[in-house]
Protein backbone atom coordinates (compact mmCIF):
# COMPACT_ATOMS: atom_id res chain seq x y z
CA MET A 1 0.37 0.07 0.20
CA ILE A 2 1.42 3.34 -0.89
CA VAL A 3 1.17 5.63 2.05
CA LYS A 4 -0.55 9.18 0.67
CA TYR A 5 -2.28 10.74 3.71
CA LEU A 6 -1.30 9.20 7.33
CA SER A 7 0.79 12.81 7.63
CA ARG A 8 -2.54 14.01 8.17
CA ILE A 9 -3.14 11.78 11.04
CA THR A 10 -1.75 13.08 14.22
CA ILE A 11 -1.38 12.12 18.02
CA ASN A 12 -1.04 14.71 20.74
CA PRO A 13 -1.58 14.00 24.26
CA ASP A 14 -2.82 17.51 24.94
CA ILE A 15 -5.70 16.80 22.27
CA CYS A 16 -8.65 14.19 22.54
CA HIS A 17 -6.99 12.45 25.20
CA GLY A 18 -4.12 11.28 23.02
CA LYS A 19 -6.20 9.82 20.47
CA PRO A 20 -5.40 9.87 16.62
CA THR A 21 -7.16 13.35 15.43
CA ILE A 22 -6.93 14.72 11.98
CA ARG A 23 -4.48 17.72 11.45
CA GLY A 24 -4.16 18.35 15.27
CA LEU A 25 -7.67 19.45 14.93
CA ARG A 26 -10.45 18.16 17.66
CA TYR A 27 -11.56 15.65 15.11
CA PRO A 28 -11.23 11.93 16.06
CA VAL A 29 -10.29 9.29 13.38
CA GLU A 30 -12.60 6.92 14.97
CA ASN A 31 -15.54 9.40 14.99
CA MET A 32 -14.87 10.06 11.26
CA LEU A 33 -14.85 6.52 10.84
CA GLU A 34 -18.17 6.13 12.81
CA LEU A 35 -19.78 8.57 10.12
CA LEU A 36 -18.39 7.05 7.11
CA ALA A 37 -19.43 3.23 8.53
CA SER A 38 -23.01 4.80 9.17
CA GLY A 39 -23.78 5.65 5.56
CA MET A 40 -22.84 9.06 5.37
CA THR A 41 -20.69 10.11 2.23
CA ILE A 42 -17.80 12.22 2.20
CA PRO A 43 -19.24 15.20 0.45
CA GLU A 44 -21.88 15.26 3.22
CA ILE A 45 -19.20 14.83 5.94
CA LEU A 46 -17.32 17.92 4.81
CA ASN A 47 -20.75 19.84 4.53
CA ASP A 48 -20.86 19.22 7.95
CA TYR A 49 -17.43 19.86 9.05
CA GLU A 50 -16.42 22.68 6.99
CA ASP A 51 -12.89 22.67 7.93
CA LEU A 52 -12.02 19.24 6.69
CA GLU A 53 -10.75 18.16 3.65
CA LYS A 54 -11.44 15.00 1.40
CA GLU A 55 -8.22 14.22 2.25
CA ASP A 56 -8.44 14.31 5.82
CA LEU A 57 -11.08 11.26 5.37
CA LEU A 58 -9.25 9.35 3.17
CA ALA A 59 -6.26 9.77 5.88
CA CYS A 60 -8.75 8.33 8.21
CA LEU A 61 -9.39 5.48 5.74
CA GLU A 62 -5.76 4.79 5.35
CA TYR A 63 -5.11 4.69 9.10
CA ALA A 64 -7.79 2.32 9.57
CA ALA A 65 -6.59 -0.03 6.79
CA GLN A 66 -2.85 0.03 8.34
CA LEU A 67 -4.32 -0.60 11.93
CA SER A 68 -5.90 -3.46 10.20
CA GLN A 69 -3.10 -5.49 8.76
CA VAL A 70 -1.85 -7.71 11.57
CA LYS A 71 0.32 -10.69 11.48
CA ASN A 72 -1.53 -12.85 14.10
CA ILE A 73 -4.34 -12.43 16.33
CA TYR A 74 -4.56 -13.83 19.73
CA ARG A 75 -7.59 -14.94 21.92
CA ILE A 76 -7.25 -13.31 25.22
CA ALA A 77 -8.55 -15.52 28.17
CA SER A 78 -11.75 -14.37 29.72
């Protein structure tokens, strides 16, 4: 996978409790992914969040794709 947008994802312990956010703004990546998963389109999200850009949302998707590339999954005893 070619990394194009990951530089737009930032982690700062002073912003949103250190969760990954978009460009240091108070928009957690997880919230944008939830909006996309709920069926909102990129244009709809951009209309609601005017300071975001299409590339920001693509960065969220790229970030999630990178996180999903795991080698092993281990079951934790419950």
